[in-house]
PDB file of all heavy atoms in Angstrom:
ATOM      1  N   GLU A   1       4.868 -13.292  18.128  1.00  0.00           N
ATOM      2  CA  GLU A   1       5.662 -12.288  17.415  1.00  0.00           C
ATOM      3  C   GLU A   1       5.919 -12.696  15.976  1.00  0.00           C
ATOM      4  O   GLU A   1       5.881 -11.827  15.077  1.00  0.00           O
ATOM      5  CB  GLU A   1       7.021 -12.149  18.141  1.00  0.00           C
ATOM      6  CG  GLU A   1       6.865 -11.486  19.512  1.00  0.00           C
ATOM      7  CD  GLU A   1       8.206 -11.437  20.237  1.00  0.00           C
ATOM      8  OE1 GLU A   1       9.182 -12.023  19.784  1.00  0.00           O
ATOM      9  OE2 GLU A   1       8.286 -10.832  21.378  1.00  0.00           O
ATOM     10  N   GLU A   2       6.177 -13.957  15.778  1.00  0.00           N
ATOM     11  CA  GLU A   2       6.344 -14.416  14.342  1.00  0.00           C
ATOM     12  C   GLU A   2       5.070 -14.164  13.520  1.00  0.00           C
ATOM     13  O   GLU A   2       5.088 -13.795  12.343  1.00  0.00           O
ATOM     14  CB  GLU A   2       6.716 -15.859  14.365  1.00  0.00           C
ATOM     15  CG  GLU A   2       6.941 -16.430  12.974  1.00  0.00           C
ATOM     16  CD  GLU A   2       7.394 -17.926  13.010  1.00  0.00           C
ATOM     17  OE1 GLU A   2       7.540 -18.474  14.108  1.00  0.00           O
ATOM     18  OE2 GLU A   2       7.478 -18.515  11.877  1.00  0.00           O
ATOM     19  N   ALA A   3       3.889 -14.500  14.140  1.00  0.00           N
ATOM     20  CA  ALA A   3       2.650 -14.291  13.381  1.00  0.00           C
ATOM     21  C   ALA A   3       2.380 -12.852  13.119  1.00  0.00           C
ATOM     22  O   ALA A   3       1.993 -12.453  12.004  1.00  0.00           O
ATOM     23  CB  ALA A   3       1.484 -14.913  14.271  1.00  0.00           C
ATOM     24  N   ASP A   4       2.689 -11.965  14.127  1.00  0.00           N
ATOM     25  CA  ASP A   4       2.546 -10.530  13.930  1.00  0.00           C
ATOM     26  C   ASP A   4       3.441 -10.013  12.748  1.00  0.00           C
ATOM     27  O   ASP A   4       3.070  -9.231  11.901  1.00  0.00           O
ATOM     28  CB  ASP A   4       2.873  -9.780  15.214  1.00  0.00           C
ATOM     29  CG  ASP A   4       1.810  -9.948  16.211  1.00  0.00           C
ATOM     30  OD1 ASP A   4       0.757 -10.463  15.909  1.00  0.00           O
ATOM     31  OD2 ASP A   4       2.079  -9.597  17.419  1.00  0.00           O
ATOM     32  N   TRP A   5       4.693 -10.564  12.797  1.00  0.00           N
ATOM     33  CA  TRP A   5       5.649 -10.123  11.719  1.00  0.00           C
ATOM     34  C   TRP A   5       5.186 -10.623  10.395  1.00  0.00           C
ATOM     35  O   TRP A   5       5.254  -9.897   9.401  1.00  0.00           O
ATOM     36  CB  TRP A   5       7.018 -10.701  12.109  1.00  0.00           C
ATOM     37  CG  TRP A   5       8.110 -10.384  11.035  1.00  0.00           C
ATOM     38  CD1 TRP A   5       8.840  -9.196  11.053  1.00  0.00           C
ATOM     39  CD2 TRP A   5       8.438 -11.117   9.973  1.00  0.00           C
ATOM     40  NE1 TRP A   5       9.680  -9.265   9.923  1.00  0.00           N
ATOM     41  CE2 TRP A   5       9.408 -10.393   9.211  1.00  0.00           C
ATOM     42  CE3 TRP A   5       7.998 -12.339   9.424  1.00  0.00           C
ATOM     43  CZ2 TRP A   5       9.999 -10.879   7.983  1.00  0.00           C
ATOM     44  CZ3 TRP A   5       8.546 -12.816   8.224  1.00  0.00           C
ATOM     45  CH2 TRP A   5       9.537 -12.021   7.550  1.00  0.00           C
ATOM     46  N   GLY A   6       4.704 -11.888  10.368  1.00  0.00           N
ATOM     47  CA  GLY A   6       4.246 -12.424   9.094  1.00  0.00           C
ATOM     48  C   GLY A   6       3.075 -11.667   8.491  1.00  0.00           C
ATOM     49  O   GLY A   6       3.072 -11.392   7.283  1.00  0.00           O
ATOM     50  N   GLY A   7       2.093 -11.283   9.317  1.00  0.00           N
ATOM     51  CA  GLY A   7       0.979 -10.531   8.820  1.00  0.00           C
ATOM     52  C   GLY A   7       1.416  -9.136   8.292  1.00  0.00           C
ATOM     53  O   GLY A   7       0.980  -8.702   7.259  1.00  0.00           O
ATOM     54  N   ALA A   8       2.300  -8.485   9.053  1.00  0.00           N
ATOM     55  CA  ALA A   8       2.833  -7.167   8.558  1.00  0.00           C
ATOM     56  C   ALA A   8       3.622  -7.320   7.278  1.00  0.00           C
ATOM     57  O   ALA A   8       3.488  -6.485   6.418  1.00  0.00           O
ATOM     58  CB  ALA A   8       3.670  -6.560   9.655  1.00  0.00           C
ATOM     59  N   ALA A   9       4.366  -8.356   7.167  1.00  0.00           N
ATOM     60  CA  ALA A   9       5.218  -8.606   5.996  1.00  0.00           C
ATOM     61  C   ALA A   9       4.427  -8.753   4.712  1.00  0.00           C
ATOM     62  O   ALA A   9       4.674  -8.119   3.717  1.00  0.00           O
ATOM     63  CB  ALA A   9       6.130  -9.815   6.228  1.00  0.00           C
ATOM     64  N   ILE A  10       3.407  -9.593   4.794  1.00  0.00           N
ATOM     65  CA  ILE A  10       2.581  -9.877   3.556  1.00  0.00           C
ATOM     66  C   ILE A  10       1.784  -8.614   3.204  1.00  0.00           C
ATOM     67  O   ILE A  10       1.586  -8.353   1.979  1.00  0.00           O
ATOM     68  CB  ILE A  10       1.699 -11.126   3.692  1.00  0.00           C
ATOM     69  CG1 ILE A  10       0.718 -10.960   4.804  1.00  0.00           C
ATOM     70  CG2 ILE A  10       2.482 -12.408   3.741  1.00  0.00           C
ATOM     71  CD1 ILE A  10      -0.307 -12.111   4.820  1.00  0.00           C
ATOM     72  N   SER A  11       1.374  -7.802   4.223  1.00  0.00           N
ATOM     73  CA  SER A  11       0.666  -6.593   3.914  1.00  0.00           C
ATOM     74  C   SER A  11       1.615  -5.530   3.276  1.00  0.00           C
ATOM     75  O   SER A  11       1.212  -4.875   2.333  1.00  0.00           O
ATOM     76  CB  SER A  11       0.052  -6.042   5.198  1.00  0.00           C
ATOM     77  OG  SER A  11      -0.893  -6.881   5.763  1.00  0.00           O
ATOM     78  N   LEU A  12       2.866  -5.502   3.744  1.00  0.00           N
ATOM     79  CA  LEU A  12       3.837  -4.622   3.142  1.00  0.00           C
ATOM     80  C   LEU A  12       4.162  -4.976   1.731  1.00  0.00           C
ATOM     81  O   LEU A  12       4.275  -4.130   0.804  1.00  0.00           O
ATOM     82  CB  LEU A  12       5.130  -4.588   4.025  1.00  0.00           C
ATOM     83  CG  LEU A  12       6.261  -3.719   3.527  1.00  0.00           C
ATOM     84  CD1 LEU A  12       5.835  -2.322   3.451  1.00  0.00           C
ATOM     85  CD2 LEU A  12       7.465  -3.920   4.467  1.00  0.00           C
ATOM     86  N   VAL A  13       4.374  -6.303   1.450  1.00  0.00           N
ATOM     87  CA  VAL A  13       4.597  -6.758   0.098  1.00  0.00           C
ATOM     88  C   VAL A  13       3.470  -6.394  -0.815  1.00  0.00           C
ATOM     89  O   VAL A  13       3.686  -5.952  -1.934  1.00  0.00           O
ATOM     90  CB  VAL A  13       4.905  -8.319   0.087  1.00  0.00           C
ATOM     91  CG1 VAL A  13       4.873  -8.844  -1.325  1.00  0.00           C
ATOM     92  CG2 VAL A  13       6.195  -8.673   0.851  1.00  0.00           C
ATOM     93  N   LEU A  14       2.218  -6.612  -0.318  1.00  0.00           N
ATOM     94  CA  LEU A  14       1.097  -6.296  -1.117  1.00  0.00           C
ATOM     95  C   LEU A  14       1.083  -4.810  -1.450  1.00  0.00           C
ATOM     96  O   LEU A  14       0.807  -4.420  -2.590  1.00  0.00           O
ATOM     97  CB  LEU A  14      -0.206  -6.696  -0.353  1.00  0.00           C
ATOM     98  CG  LEU A  14      -1.554  -6.263  -1.001  1.00  0.00           C
ATOM     99  CD1 LEU A  14      -1.724  -7.020  -2.292  1.00  0.00           C
ATOM    100  CD2 LEU A  14      -2.695  -6.597  -0.065  1.00  0.00           C
ATOM    101  N   GLY A  15       1.331  -3.944  -0.395  1.00  0.00           N
ATOM    102  CA  GLY A  15       1.302  -2.508  -0.663  1.00  0.00           C
ATOM    103  C   GLY A  15       2.391  -2.121  -1.652  1.00  0.00           C
ATOM    104  O   GLY A  15       2.118  -1.264  -2.549  1.00  0.00           O
ATOM    105  N   LEU A  16       3.537  -2.619  -1.550  1.00  0.00           N
ATOM    106  CA  LEU A  16       4.626  -2.273  -2.444  1.00  0.00           C
ATOM    107  C   LEU A  16       4.391  -2.725  -3.911  1.00  0.00           C
ATOM    108  O   LEU A  16       4.543  -2.032  -4.889  1.00  0.00           O
ATOM    109  CB  LEU A  16       5.957  -2.894  -1.991  1.00  0.00           C
ATOM    110  CG  LEU A  16       6.557  -2.360  -0.724  1.00  0.00           C
ATOM    111  CD1 LEU A  16       7.775  -3.123  -0.294  1.00  0.00           C
ATOM    112  CD2 LEU A  16       6.926  -0.883  -0.891  1.00  0.00           C
ATOM    113  N   ALA A  17       3.717  -3.965  -3.999  1.00  0.00           N
ATOM    114  CA  ALA A  17       3.395  -4.466  -5.327  1.00  0.00           C
ATOM    115  C   ALA A  17       2.363  -3.625  -6.011  1.00  0.00           C
ATOM    116  O   ALA A  17       2.451  -3.334  -7.183  1.00  0.00           O
ATOM    117  CB  ALA A  17       2.949  -5.969  -5.217  1.00  0.00           C
ATOM    118  N   LEU A  18       1.262  -3.289  -5.248  1.00  0.00           N
ATOM    119  CA  LEU A  18       0.271  -2.478  -5.839  1.00  0.00           C
ATOM    120  C   LEU A  18       0.753  -1.052  -6.169  1.00  0.00           C
ATOM    121  O   LEU A  18       0.340  -0.454  -7.214  1.00  0.00           O
ATOM    122  CB  LEU A  18      -0.975  -2.371  -4.903  1.00  0.00           C
ATOM    123  CG  LEU A  18      -1.898  -3.594  -4.868  1.00  0.00           C
ATOM    124  CD1 LEU A  18      -2.995  -3.408  -3.810  1.00  0.00           C
ATOM    125  CD2 LEU A  18      -2.516  -3.890  -6.234  1.00  0.00           C
ATOM    126  N   SER A  19       1.600  -0.495  -5.351  1.00  0.00           N
ATOM    127  CA  SER A  19       2.131   0.817  -5.658  1.00  0.00           C
ATOM    128  C   SER A  19       2.993   0.806  -6.894  1.00  0.00           C
ATOM    129  O   SER A  19       2.942   1.733  -7.761  1.00  0.00           O
ATOM    130  CB  SER A  19       2.972   1.310  -4.435  1.00  0.00           C
ATOM    131  OG  SER A  19       2.215   1.474  -3.273  1.00  0.00           O
ATOM    132  N   ALA A  20       3.790  -0.267  -7.044  1.00  0.00           N
ATOM    133  CA  ALA A  20       4.600  -0.428  -8.265  1.00  0.00           C
ATOM    134  C   ALA A  20       3.727  -0.538  -9.489  1.00  0.00           C
ATOM    135  O   ALA A  20       3.989  -0.022 -10.566  1.00  0.00           O
ATOM    136  CB  ALA A  20       5.545  -1.616  -8.153  1.00  0.00           C
ATOM    137  N   LEU A  21       2.624  -1.299  -9.343  1.00  0.00           N
ATOM    138  CA  LEU A  21       1.726  -1.550 -10.476  1.00  0.00           C
ATOM    139  C   LEU A  21       1.086  -0.190 -10.906  1.00  0.00           C
ATOM    140  O   LEU A  21       1.004   0.068 -12.137  1.00  0.00           O
ATOM    141  CB  LEU A  21       0.590  -2.491 -10.029  1.00  0.00           C
ATOM    142  CG  LEU A  21      -0.450  -2.870 -11.065  1.00  0.00           C
ATOM    143  CD1 LEU A  21       0.127  -3.623 -12.240  1.00  0.00           C
ATOM    144  CD2 LEU A  21      -1.585  -3.648 -10.426  1.00  0.00           C
ATOM    145  N   VAL A  22       0.695   0.599  -9.894  1.00  0.00           N
ATOM    146  CA  VAL A  22       0.056   1.853 -10.220  1.00  0.00           C
ATOM    147  C   VAL A  22       1.057   2.780 -10.919  1.00  0.00           C
ATOM    148  O   VAL A  22       0.797   3.422 -11.963  1.00  0.00           O
ATOM    149  CB  VAL A  22      -0.472   2.570  -9.021  1.00  0.00           C
ATOM    150  CG1 VAL A  22      -0.976   4.020  -9.290  1.00  0.00           C
ATOM    151  CG2 VAL A  22      -1.656   1.712  -8.392  1.00  0.00           C
ATOM    152  N   MET A  23       2.312   2.835 -10.409  1.00  0.00           N
ATOM    153  CA  MET A  23       3.315   3.717 -11.008  1.00  0.00           C
ATOM    154  C   MET A  23       3.685   3.323 -12.363  1.00  0.00           C
ATOM    155  O   MET A  23       3.856   4.122 -13.261  1.00  0.00           O
ATOM    156  CB  MET A  23       4.620   3.640 -10.087  1.00  0.00           C
ATOM    157  CG  MET A  23       4.490   4.542  -8.867  1.00  0.00           C
ATOM    158  SD  MET A  23       6.093   4.663  -8.037  1.00  0.00           S
ATOM    159  CE  MET A  23       6.283   3.066  -7.253  1.00  0.00           C
ATOM    160  N   GLY A  24       3.690   1.936 -12.652  1.00  0.00           N
ATOM    161  CA  GLY A  24       4.053   1.515 -13.930  1.00  0.00           C
ATOM    162  C   GLY A  24       3.025   1.564 -15.006  1.00  0.00           C
ATOM    163  O   GLY A  24       3.349   1.644 -16.202  1.00  0.00           O
ATOM    164  N   SER A  25       1.720   1.388 -14.601  1.00  0.00           N
ATOM    165  CA  SER A  25       0.662   1.309 -15.548  1.00  0.00           C
ATOM    166  C   SER A  25      -0.338   2.459 -15.541  1.00  0.00           C
ATOM    167  O   SER A  25      -0.895   2.815 -16.576  1.00  0.00           O
ATOM    168  CB  SER A  25      -0.177   0.028 -15.259  1.00  0.00           C
ATOM    169  OG  SER A  25      -0.710  -0.011 -14.035  1.00  0.00           O
ATOM    170  N   GLN A  26      -0.546   3.081 -14.348  1.00  0.00           N
ATOM    171  CA  GLN A  26      -1.544   4.190 -14.256  1.00  0.00           C
ATOM    172  C   GLN A  26      -0.926   5.310 -13.426  1.00  0.00           C
ATOM    173  O   GLN A  26      -1.518   5.611 -12.309  1.00  0.00           O
ATOM    174  CB  GLN A  26      -2.822   3.594 -13.578  1.00  0.00           C
ATOM    175  CG  GLN A  26      -3.439   2.424 -14.218  1.00  0.00           C
ATOM    176  CD  GLN A  26      -4.254   2.866 -15.490  1.00  0.00           C
ATOM    177  OE1 GLN A  26      -4.705   3.991 -15.528  1.00  0.00           O
ATOM    178  NE2 GLN A  26      -4.464   1.929 -16.441  1.00  0.00           N
ATOM    179  N   PRO A  27       0.110   5.894 -13.870  1.00  0.00           N
ATOM    180  CA  PRO A  27       0.733   6.989 -13.026  1.00  0.00           C
ATOM    181  C   PRO A  27      -0.186   8.138 -12.738  1.00  0.00           C
ATOM    182  O   PRO A  27       0.020   8.874 -11.776  1.00  0.00           O
ATOM    183  CB  PRO A  27       1.980   7.392 -13.877  1.00  0.00           C
ATOM    184  CG  PRO A  27       1.657   6.938 -15.285  1.00  0.00           C
ATOM    185  CD  PRO A  27       0.853   5.679 -15.137  1.00  0.00           C
ATOM    186  N   GLN A  28      -1.165   8.390 -13.584  1.00  0.00           N
ATOM    187  CA  GLN A  28      -2.123   9.487 -13.426  1.00  0.00           C
ATOM    188  C   GLN A  28      -2.939   9.322 -12.097  1.00  0.00           C
ATOM    189  O   GLN A  28      -3.477  10.341 -11.581  1.00  0.00           O
ATOM    190  CB  GLN A  28      -3.014   9.702 -14.585  1.00  0.00           C
ATOM    191  CG  GLN A  28      -4.062   8.603 -14.810  1.00  0.00           C
ATOM    192  CD  GLN A  28      -3.532   7.389 -15.560  1.00  0.00           C
ATOM    193  OE1 GLN A  28      -2.315   7.194 -15.752  1.00  0.00           O
ATOM    194  NE2 GLN A  28      -4.464   6.571 -16.052  1.00  0.00           N
ATOM    195  N   VAL A  29      -3.075   8.135 -11.588  1.00  0.00           N
ATOM    196  CA  VAL A  29      -3.883   7.935 -10.358  1.00  0.00           C
ATOM    197  C   VAL A  29      -2.984   7.663  -9.153  1.00  0.00           C
ATOM    198  O   VAL A  29      -3.509   7.338  -8.099  1.00  0.00           O
ATOM    199  CB  VAL A  29      -4.938   6.795 -10.553  1.00  0.00           C
ATOM    200  CG1 VAL A  29      -5.910   7.066 -11.673  1.00  0.00           C
ATOM    201  CG2 VAL A  29      -4.240   5.446 -10.780  1.00  0.00           C
ATOM    202  N   LEU A  30      -1.704   7.845  -9.301  1.00  0.00           N
ATOM    203  CA  LEU A  30      -0.799   7.530  -8.217  1.00  0.00           C
ATOM    204  C   LEU A  30      -1.069   8.387  -7.036  1.00  0.00           C
ATOM    205  O   LEU A  30      -1.066   7.953  -5.897  1.00  0.00           O
ATOM    206  CB  LEU A  30       0.693   7.692  -8.649  1.00  0.00           C
ATOM    207  CG  LEU A  30       1.715   7.371  -7.588  1.00  0.00           C
ATOM    208  CD1 LEU A  30       1.577   5.962  -7.057  1.00  0.00           C
ATOM    209  CD2 LEU A  30       3.128   7.621  -8.143  1.00  0.00           C
ATOM    210  N   LEU A  31      -1.298   9.724  -7.238  1.00  0.00           N
ATOM    211  CA  LEU A  31      -1.529  10.616  -6.180  1.00  0.00           C
ATOM    212  C   LEU A  31      -2.831  10.319  -5.373  1.00  0.00           C
ATOM    213  O   LEU A  31      -2.771  10.181  -4.119  1.00  0.00           O
ATOM    214  CB  LEU A  31      -1.529  12.072  -6.676  1.00  0.00           C
ATOM    215  CG  LEU A  31      -1.576  13.137  -5.576  1.00  0.00           C
ATOM    216  CD1 LEU A  31      -0.431  12.970  -4.535  1.00  0.00           C
ATOM    217  CD2 LEU A  31      -1.450  14.578  -6.174  1.00  0.00           C
ATOM    218  N   PRO A  32      -3.958  10.208  -6.047  1.00  0.00           N
ATOM    219  CA  PRO A  32      -5.169   9.825  -5.300  1.00  0.00           C
ATOM    220  C   PRO A  32      -5.047   8.428  -4.603  1.00  0.00           C
ATOM    221  O   PRO A  32      -5.559   8.225  -3.537  1.00  0.00           O
ATOM    222  CB  PRO A  32      -6.286   9.864  -6.361  1.00  0.00           C
ATOM    223  CG  PRO A  32      -5.621   9.772  -7.677  1.00  0.00           C
ATOM    224  CD  PRO A  32      -4.268  10.466  -7.501  1.00  0.00           C
ATOM    225  N   PHE A  33      -4.354   7.485  -5.267  1.00  0.00           N
ATOM    226  CA  PHE A  33      -4.138   6.216  -4.689  1.00  0.00           C
ATOM    227  C   PHE A  33      -3.338   6.365  -3.362  1.00  0.00           C
ATOM    228  O   PHE A  33      -3.696   5.782  -2.287  1.00  0.00           O
ATOM    229  CB  PHE A  33      -3.343   5.322  -5.684  1.00  0.00           C
ATOM    230  CG  PHE A  33      -2.979   3.974  -5.122  1.00  0.00           C
ATOM    231  CD1 PHE A  33      -3.827   2.877  -5.107  1.00  0.00           C
ATOM    232  CD2 PHE A  33      -1.636   3.793  -4.622  1.00  0.00           C
ATOM    233  CE1 PHE A  33      -3.484   1.683  -4.631  1.00  0.00           C
ATOM    234  CE2 PHE A  33      -1.267   2.561  -4.153  1.00  0.00           C
ATOM    235  CZ  PHE A  33      -2.148   1.496  -4.129  1.00  0.00           C
ATOM    236  N   GLY A  34      -2.254   7.094  -3.401  1.00  0.00           N
ATOM    237  CA  GLY A  34      -1.462   7.357  -2.243  1.00  0.00           C
ATOM    238  C   GLY A  34      -2.201   8.104  -1.136  1.00  0.00           C
ATOM    239  O   GLY A  34      -2.079   7.780   0.017  1.00  0.00           O
ATOM    240  N   LEU A  35      -2.962   9.078  -1.524  1.00  0.00           N
ATOM    241  CA  LEU A  35      -3.788   9.820  -0.517  1.00  0.00           C
ATOM    242  C   LEU A  35      -4.739   8.908   0.208  1.00  0.00           C
ATOM    243  O   LEU A  35      -4.972   9.106   1.344  1.00  0.00           O
ATOM    244  CB  LEU A  35      -4.449  11.004  -1.194  1.00  0.00           C
ATOM    245  CG  LEU A  35      -3.547  12.256  -1.590  1.00  0.00           C
ATOM    246  CD1 LEU A  35      -4.333  13.276  -2.355  1.00  0.00           C
ATOM    247  CD2 LEU A  35      -2.978  12.853  -0.264  1.00  0.00           C
ATOM    248  N   SER A  36      -5.345   8.031  -0.592  1.00  0.00           N
ATOM    249  CA  SER A  36      -6.286   7.103   0.003  1.00  0.00           C
ATOM    250  C   SER A  36      -5.605   6.188   1.026  1.00  0.00           C
ATOM    251  O   SER A  36      -6.175   5.919   2.080  1.00  0.00           O
ATOM    252  CB  SER A  36      -6.987   6.303  -1.050  1.00  0.00           C
ATOM    253  OG  SER A  36      -7.795   7.112  -1.883  1.00  0.00           O
ATOM    254  N   VAL A  37      -4.459   5.719   0.694  1.00  0.00           N
ATOM    255  CA  VAL A  37      -3.695   4.878   1.580  1.00  0.00           C
ATOM    256  C   VAL A  37      -3.408   5.637   2.913  1.00  0.00           C
ATOM    257  O   VAL A  37      -3.624   5.139   3.984  1.00  0.00           O
ATOM    258  CB  VAL A  37      -2.330   4.369   0.962  1.00  0.00           C
ATOM    259  CG1 VAL A  37      -1.500   3.623   2.019  1.00  0.00           C
ATOM    260  CG2 VAL A  37      -2.591   3.493  -0.263  1.00  0.00           C
ATOM    261  N   LEU A  38      -2.859   6.860   2.724  1.00  0.00           N
ATOM    262  CA  LEU A  38      -2.483   7.636   3.895  1.00  0.00           C
ATOM    263  C   LEU A  38      -3.711   8.045   4.710  1.00  0.00           C
ATOM    264  O   LEU A  38      -3.764   7.940   5.980  1.00  0.00           O
ATOM    265  CB  LEU A  38      -1.761   8.897   3.472  1.00  0.00           C
ATOM    266  CG  LEU A  38      -1.246   9.812   4.517  1.00  0.00           C
ATOM    267  CD1 LEU A  38      -0.314   9.091   5.471  1.00  0.00           C
ATOM    268  CD2 LEU A  38      -0.589  11.049   3.952  1.00  0.00           C
ATOM    269  N   GLY A  39      -4.742   8.532   4.011  1.00  0.00           N
ATOM    270  CA  GLY A  39      -5.937   8.993   4.712  1.00  0.00           C
ATOM    271  C   GLY A  39      -6.642   7.885   5.524  1.00  0.00           C
ATOM    272  O   GLY A  39      -7.127   8.079   6.659  1.00  0.00           O
ATOM    273  N   SER A  40      -6.715   6.647   4.870  1.00  0.00           N
ATOM    274  CA  SER A  40      -7.342   5.529   5.551  1.00  0.00           C
ATOM    275  C   SER A  40      -6.527   5.114   6.816  1.00  0.00           C
ATOM    276  O   SER A  40      -7.127   4.847   7.847  1.00  0.00           O
ATOM    277  CB  SER A  40      -7.380   4.359   4.557  1.00  0.00           C
ATOM    278  OG  SER A  40      -7.951   3.234   5.195  1.00  0.00           O
ATOM    279  N   ALA A  41      -5.228   5.111   6.668  1.00  0.00           N
ATOM    280  CA  ALA A  41      -4.331   4.686   7.844  1.00  0.00           C
ATOM    281  C   ALA A  41      -4.522   5.690   8.958  1.00  0.00           C
ATOM    282  O   ALA A  41      -4.596   5.271  10.138  1.00  0.00           O
ATOM    283  CB  ALA A  41      -2.927   4.591   7.393  1.00  0.00           C
ATOM    284  N   VAL A  42      -4.551   6.990   8.639  1.00  0.00           N
ATOM    285  CA  VAL A  42      -4.669   8.043   9.693  1.00  0.00           C
ATOM    286  C   VAL A  42      -6.013   8.005  10.305  1.00  0.00           C
ATOM    287  O   VAL A  42      -6.185   8.038  11.563  1.00  0.00           O
ATOM    288  CB  VAL A  42      -4.430   9.381   9.102  1.00  0.00           C
ATOM    289  CG1 VAL A  42      -4.785  10.511  10.090  1.00  0.00           C
ATOM    290  CG2 VAL A  42      -2.910   9.543   8.621  1.00  0.00           C
ATOM    291  N   LEU A  43      -7.130   7.913   9.516  1.00  0.00           N
ATOM    292  CA  LEU A  43      -8.429   7.858  10.092  1.00  0.00           C
ATOM    293  C   LEU A  43      -8.625   6.605  10.923  1.00  0.00           C
ATOM    294  O   LEU A  43      -9.324   6.743  12.000  1.00  0.00           O
ATOM    295  CB  LEU A  43      -9.482   7.927   8.951  1.00  0.00           C
ATOM    296  CG  LEU A  43     -10.962   8.062   9.349  1.00  0.00           C
ATOM    297  CD1 LEU A  43     -11.149   9.308  10.256  1.00  0.00           C
ATOM    298  CD2 LEU A  43     -11.837   8.093   8.153  1.00  0.00           C
ATOM    299  N   GLY A  44      -8.045   5.504  10.525  1.00  0.00           N
ATOM    300  CA  GLY A  44      -8.168   4.323  11.370  1.00  0.00           C
ATOM    301  C   GLY A  44      -7.509   4.537  12.750  1.00  0.00           C
ATOM    302  O   GLY A  44      -8.030   4.083  13.758  1.00  0.00           O
TER     303      GLY A  44
END
């Protein structure tokens, strides 16, 4: 359970960090970036 939680945690931190980076530096690609995240998760 600890390993599962750790893997999910670092993936969540990575996702939040990249989302913040896109919003702060490249807001024009935020929508396609977000759609790719959502579409990939759903298709998986």
